[in-house]
Amino acid sequence: MREDTALEDVPRGGPRVVIDWTGEFAAIAGFGNVPSFRVWNLRTGRPGSSIQRSKLIRGSSISLSPGGGRVVFTTEDYVGHVSDTATGTELFELEKPIGGRRNGSWIQSCVVTTDGRQIVGQGADGGVNFWNAVDGRLIVAHPSHRSN
């Protein structure tokens, strides 16, 4: 981004934080009255659609796909979501692993692999799961080895 280019429509109210960036795109979250985040094109300073989620919290994980076309994020109910950054439309939820907790995928943090083909997520129980980034299907689940 050029130094004289300002980002348009940064979320207002409450703290704001840069969550992820790909070099060309950045996700910035705002936690005001309606928690939301938006993805910006850093070359032009123009935003994509705002994604507002009532269950988005400060501890939510947000990760951009290479090229910034999709964003993966978690919500307070530990469900993983994938949305289109241009329209804000939710494309799908990540498939719940067998034995997943709270009727969700039990995902606290997530990242899209550099080739954009998989999503890797870790749950609060220490388990690690891999999903197909195209359709959200669970590829493999590695349960935690912690003793309860």
C-alpha atoms as a PDB file:
ATOM      1  CA  MET A   1       0.000   0.000   0.000  1.00  0.00           C
ATOM      2  CA  ARG A   2       1.269   3.453  -0.791  1.00  0.00           C
ATOM      3  CA  GLU A   3       1.970   5.556   2.292  1.00  0.00           C
ATOM      4  CA  ASP A   4      -0.661   8.128   1.279  1.00  0.00           C
ATOM      5  CA  THR A   5      -3.448   5.531   0.824  1.00  0.00           C
ATOM      6  CA  ALA A   6      -5.872   5.370   3.753  1.00  0.00           C
ATOM      7  CA  LEU A   7      -8.077   2.394   4.522  1.00  0.00           C
ATOM      8  CA  GLU A   8     -11.756   3.192   3.983  1.00  0.00           C
ATOM      9  CA  ASP A   9     -14.460   2.221   6.493  1.00  0.00           C
ATOM     10  CA  VAL A  10     -12.306   0.786   9.287  1.00  0.00           C
ATOM     11  CA  PRO A  11     -14.597  -0.787  11.941  1.00  0.00           C
ATOM     12  CA  ARG A  12     -15.567   1.790  14.533  1.00  0.00           C
ATOM     13  CA  GLY A  13     -16.215   1.447  18.241  1.00  0.00           C
ATOM     14  CA  GLY A  14     -14.225  -0.681  20.606  1.00  0.00           C
ATOM     15  CA  PRO A  15     -10.736  -2.002  19.951  1.00  0.00           C
ATOM     16  CA  ARG A  16      -9.567  -2.656  16.403  1.00  0.00           C
ATOM     17  CA  VAL A  17      -6.861  -5.117  15.499  1.00  0.00           C
ATOM     18  CA  VAL A  18      -5.183  -6.389  12.337  1.00  0.00           C
ATOM     19  CA  ILE A  19      -5.826 -10.116  12.374  1.00  0.00           C
ATOM     20  CA  ASP A  20      -4.143 -11.471   9.240  1.00  0.00           C
ATOM     21  CA  TRP A  21      -2.581 -10.257   6.024  1.00  0.00           C
ATOM     22  CA  THR A  22      -1.352 -11.890   2.833  1.00  0.00           C
ATOM     23  CA  GLY A  23       0.800  -9.033   1.539  1.00  0.00           C
ATOM     24  CA  GLU A  24      -1.994  -7.734  -0.683  1.00  0.00           C
ATOM     25  CA  PHE A  25      -4.952  -8.103   1.689  1.00  0.00           C
ATOM     26  CA  ALA A  26      -5.496  -7.490   5.416  1.00  0.00           C
ATOM     27  CA  ALA A  27      -8.305  -8.479   7.783  1.00  0.00           C
ATOM     28  CA  ILE A  28      -9.131  -5.946  10.495  1.00  0.00           C
ATOM     29  CA  ALA A  29     -11.639  -6.688  13.239  1.00  0.00           C
ATOM     30  CA  GLY A  30     -13.664  -4.257  15.325  1.00  0.00           C
ATOM     31  CA  PHE A  31     -15.385  -5.215  18.549  1.00  0.00           C
ATOM     32  CA  GLY A  32     -17.913  -2.421  19.073  1.00  0.00           C
ATOM     33  CA  ASN A  33     -21.686  -2.868  19.475  1.00  0.00           C
ATOM     34  CA  VAL A  34     -21.774  -5.332  16.574  1.00  0.00           C
ATOM     35  CA  PRO A  35     -18.565  -7.375  16.288  1.00  0.00           C
ATOM     36  CA  SER A  36     -17.345  -7.412  12.709  1.00  0.00           C
ATOM     37  CA  PHE A  37     -14.323  -7.651  10.515  1.00  0.00           C
ATOM     38  CA  ARG A  38     -13.500  -6.514   7.040  1.00  0.00           C
ATOM     39  CA  VAL A  39     -10.851  -7.449   4.498  1.00  0.00           C
ATOM     40  CA  TRP A  40      -9.030  -4.650   2.682  1.00  0.00           C
ATOM     41  CA  ASN A  41      -7.070  -4.591  -0.540  1.00  0.00           C
ATOM     42  CA  LEU A  42      -3.830  -2.973   0.658  1.00  0.00           C
ATOM     43  CA  ARG A  43      -2.904  -1.718  -2.816  1.00  0.00           C
ATOM     44  CA  THR A  44      -6.032   0.380  -3.203  1.00  0.00           C
ATOM     45  CA  GLY A  45      -7.116   0.851   0.426  1.00  0.00           C
ATOM     46  CA  ARG A  46     -10.623  -0.303  -0.529  1.00  0.00           C
ATOM     47  CA  PRO A  47     -12.565  -2.723   1.662  1.00  0.00           C
ATOM     48  CA  GLY A  48     -14.470  -5.838   0.739  1.00  0.00           C
ATOM     49  CA  SER A  49     -17.780  -6.606   2.399  1.00  0.00           C
ATOM     50  CA  SER A  50     -18.051  -6.326   6.155  1.00  0.00           C
ATOM     51  CA  ILE A  51     -18.681  -9.622   7.928  1.00  0.00           C
ATOM     52  CA  GLN A  52     -20.760  -9.139  11.062  1.00  0.00           C
ATOM     53  CA  ARG A  53     -21.224 -12.001  13.476  1.00  0.00           C
ATOM     54  CA  SER A  54     -22.857 -11.785  16.870  1.00  0.00           C
ATOM     55  CA  LYS A  55     -20.711 -14.703  18.066  1.00  0.00           C
ATOM     56  CA  LEU A  56     -17.420 -13.146  16.897  1.00  0.00           C
ATOM     57  CA  ILE A  57     -15.350 -12.411  20.007  1.00  0.00           C
ATOM     58  CA  ARG A  58     -11.925 -10.958  20.742  1.00  0.00           C
ATOM     59  CA  GLY A  59     -10.456 -14.454  20.923  1.00  0.00           C
ATOM     60  CA  SER A  60     -11.803 -15.403  17.485  1.00  0.00           C
ATOM     61  CA  SER A  61      -9.272 -16.667  14.999  1.00  0.00           C
ATOM     62  CA  ILE A  62      -9.366 -15.160  11.489  1.00  0.00           C
ATOM     63  CA  SER A  63      -7.221 -16.376   8.580  1.00  0.00           C
ATOM     64  CA  LEU A  64      -7.171 -15.282   4.925  1.00  0.00           C
ATOM     65  CA  SER A  65      -6.724 -17.623   1.996  1.00  0.00           C
ATOM     66  CA  PRO A  66      -3.837 -16.892  -0.362  1.00  0.00           C
ATOM     67  CA  GLY A  67      -5.098 -14.148  -2.678  1.00  0.00           C
ATOM     68  CA  GLY A  68      -7.614 -12.950  -0.072  1.00  0.00           C
ATOM     69  CA  GLY A  69     -10.719 -14.415  -1.742  1.00  0.00           C
ATOM     70  CA  ARG A  70     -11.900 -16.335   1.325  1.00  0.00           C
ATOM     71  CA  VAL A  71     -11.667 -15.840   5.034  1.00  0.00           C
ATOM     72  CA  VAL A  72     -11.837 -18.571   7.688  1.00  0.00           C
ATOM     73  CA  PHE A  73     -12.902 -17.584  11.188  1.00  0.00           C
ATOM     74  CA  THR A  74     -14.037 -19.091  14.470  1.00  0.00           C
ATOM     75  CA  THR A  75     -16.857 -17.987  16.735  1.00  0.00           C
ATOM     76  CA  GLU A  76     -17.449 -18.231  20.463  1.00  0.00           C
ATOM     77  CA  ASP A  77     -19.313 -21.522  20.000  1.00  0.00           C
ATOM     78  CA  TYR A  78     -16.102 -23.038  18.536  1.00  0.00           C
ATOM     79  CA  VAL A  79     -17.488 -23.429  15.015  1.00  0.00           C
ATOM     80  CA  GLY A  80     -15.295 -22.734  11.970  1.00  0.00           C
ATOM     81  CA  HIS A  81     -16.838 -20.662   9.152  1.00  0.00           C
ATOM     82  CA  VAL A  82     -15.644 -19.856   5.626  1.00  0.00           C
ATOM     83  CA  SER A  83     -16.903 -16.720   3.859  1.00  0.00           C
ATOM     84  CA  ASP A  84     -16.300 -14.964   0.559  1.00  0.00           C
ATOM     85  CA  THR A  85     -14.416 -11.728   1.278  1.00  0.00           C
ATOM     86  CA  ALA A  86     -15.909  -9.780  -1.640  1.00  0.00           C
ATOM     87  CA  THR A  87     -19.571 -10.446  -0.811  1.00  0.00           C
ATOM     88  CA  GLY A  88     -19.446 -11.413   2.883  1.00  0.00           C
ATOM     89  CA  THR A  89     -21.532 -14.507   2.058  1.00  0.00           C
ATOM     90  CA  GLU A  90     -20.892 -17.526   4.258  1.00  0.00           C
ATOM     91  CA  LEU A  91     -19.908 -20.400   1.991  1.00  0.00           C
ATOM     92  CA  PHE A  92     -19.929 -23.208   4.563  1.00  0.00           C
ATOM     93  CA  GLU A  93     -19.126 -24.298   8.121  1.00  0.00           C
ATOM     94  CA  LEU A  94     -16.256 -26.686   8.759  1.00  0.00           C
ATOM     95  CA  GLU A  95     -17.418 -30.278   9.222  1.00  0.00           C
ATOM     96  CA  LYS A  96     -17.672 -31.368  12.840  1.00  0.00           C
ATOM     97  CA  PRO A  97     -15.196 -34.082  13.876  1.00  0.00           C
ATOM     98  CA  ILE A  98     -16.715 -37.176  15.453  1.00  0.00           C
ATOM     99  CA  GLY A  99     -16.743 -36.526  19.176  1.00  0.00           C
ATOM    100  CA  GLY A 100     -16.560 -32.755  18.606  1.00  0.00           C
ATOM    101  CA  ARG A 101     -17.824 -30.717  21.515  1.00  0.00           C
ATOM    102  CA  ARG A 102     -20.623 -28.160  21.835  1.00  0.00           C
ATOM    103  CA  ASN A 103     -22.254 -29.341  18.608  1.00  0.00           C
ATOM    104  CA  GLY A 104     -19.562 -27.590  16.597  1.00  0.00           C
ATOM    105  CA  SER A 105     -16.177 -28.342  15.158  1.00  0.00           C
ATOM    106  CA  TRP A 106     -14.506 -27.386  18.456  1.00  0.00           C
ATOM    107  CA  ILE A 107     -12.020 -25.135  16.708  1.00  0.00           C
ATOM    108  CA  GLN A 108     -10.334 -22.326  18.618  1.00  0.00           C
ATOM    109  CA  SER A 109      -7.683 -21.298  16.139  1.00  0.00           C
ATOM    110  CA  CYS A 110      -7.295 -21.802  12.420  1.00  0.00           C
ATOM    111  CA  VAL A 111      -4.997 -21.066   9.507  1.00  0.00           C
ATOM    112  CA  VAL A 112      -5.230 -21.612   5.770  1.00  0.00           C
ATOM    113  CA  THR A 113      -2.217 -23.433   4.333  1.00  0.00           C
ATOM    114  CA  THR A 114       0.016 -21.433   1.982  1.00  0.00           C
ATOM    115  CA  ASP A 115      -1.223 -23.381  -1.041  1.00  0.00           C
ATOM    116  CA  GLY A 116      -4.833 -22.598  -0.025  1.00  0.00           C
ATOM    117  CA  ARG A 117      -5.915 -26.236  -0.209  1.00  0.00           C
ATOM    118  CA  GLN A 118      -6.390 -27.019   3.497  1.00  0.00           C
ATOM    119  CA  ILE A 119      -7.472 -25.409   6.741  1.00  0.00           C
ATOM    120  CA  VAL A 120      -5.684 -26.461   9.906  1.00  0.00           C
ATOM    121  CA  GLY A 121      -7.389 -25.905  13.230  1.00  0.00           C
ATOM    122  CA  GLN A 122      -6.686 -26.602  16.865  1.00  0.00           C
ATOM    123  CA  GLY A 123      -9.280 -27.083  19.555  1.00  0.00           C
ATOM    124  CA  ALA A 124      -9.122 -26.172  23.224  1.00  0.00           C
ATOM    125  CA  ASP A 125      -8.626 -29.871  23.976  1.00  0.00           C
ATOM    126  CA  GLY A 126      -5.308 -29.837  22.039  1.00  0.00           C
ATOM    127  CA  GLY A 127      -6.564 -31.867  19.080  1.00  0.00           C
ATOM    128  CA  VAL A 128      -5.568 -30.800  15.555  1.00  0.00           C
ATOM    129  CA  ASN A 129      -7.843 -31.172  12.535  1.00  0.00           C
ATOM    130  CA  PHE A 130      -7.347 -30.722   8.781  1.00  0.00           C
ATOM    131  CA  TRP A 131     -10.195 -29.670   6.467  1.00  0.00           C
ATOM    132  CA  ASN A 132     -10.539 -29.347   2.707  1.00  0.00           C
ATOM    133  CA  ALA A 133     -10.566 -25.559   2.076  1.00  0.00           C
ATOM    134  CA  VAL A 134     -12.834 -25.926  -0.963  1.00  0.00           C
ATOM    135  CA  ASP A 135     -15.838 -27.513   0.765  1.00  0.00           C
ATOM    136  CA  GLY A 136     -15.082 -27.749   4.516  1.00  0.00           C
ATOM    137  CA  ARG A 137     -14.953 -31.558   4.604  1.00  0.00           C
ATOM    138  CA  LEU A 138     -12.881 -32.977   7.429  1.00  0.00           C
ATOM    139  CA  ILE A 139      -9.792 -34.710   6.013  1.00  0.00           C
ATOM    140  CA  VAL A 140      -8.230 -36.008   9.208  1.00  0.00           C
ATOM    141  CA  ALA A 141      -8.645 -35.439  12.946  1.00  0.00           C
ATOM    142  CA  HIS A 142      -5.768 -35.915  15.364  1.00  0.00           C
ATOM    143  CA  PRO A 143      -7.189 -36.138  18.882  1.00  0.00           C
ATOM    144  CA  SER A 144      -5.430 -34.682  21.855  1.00  0.00           C
ATOM    145  CA  HIS A 145      -3.088 -36.936  23.795  1.00  0.00           C
ATOM    146  CA  ARG A 146      -3.765 -35.077  27.022  1.00  0.00           C
ATOM    147  CA  SER A 147      -5.049 -37.102  29.907  1.00  0.00           C
ATOM    148  CA  ASN A 148      -8.292 -35.829  31.413  1.00  0.00           C
END
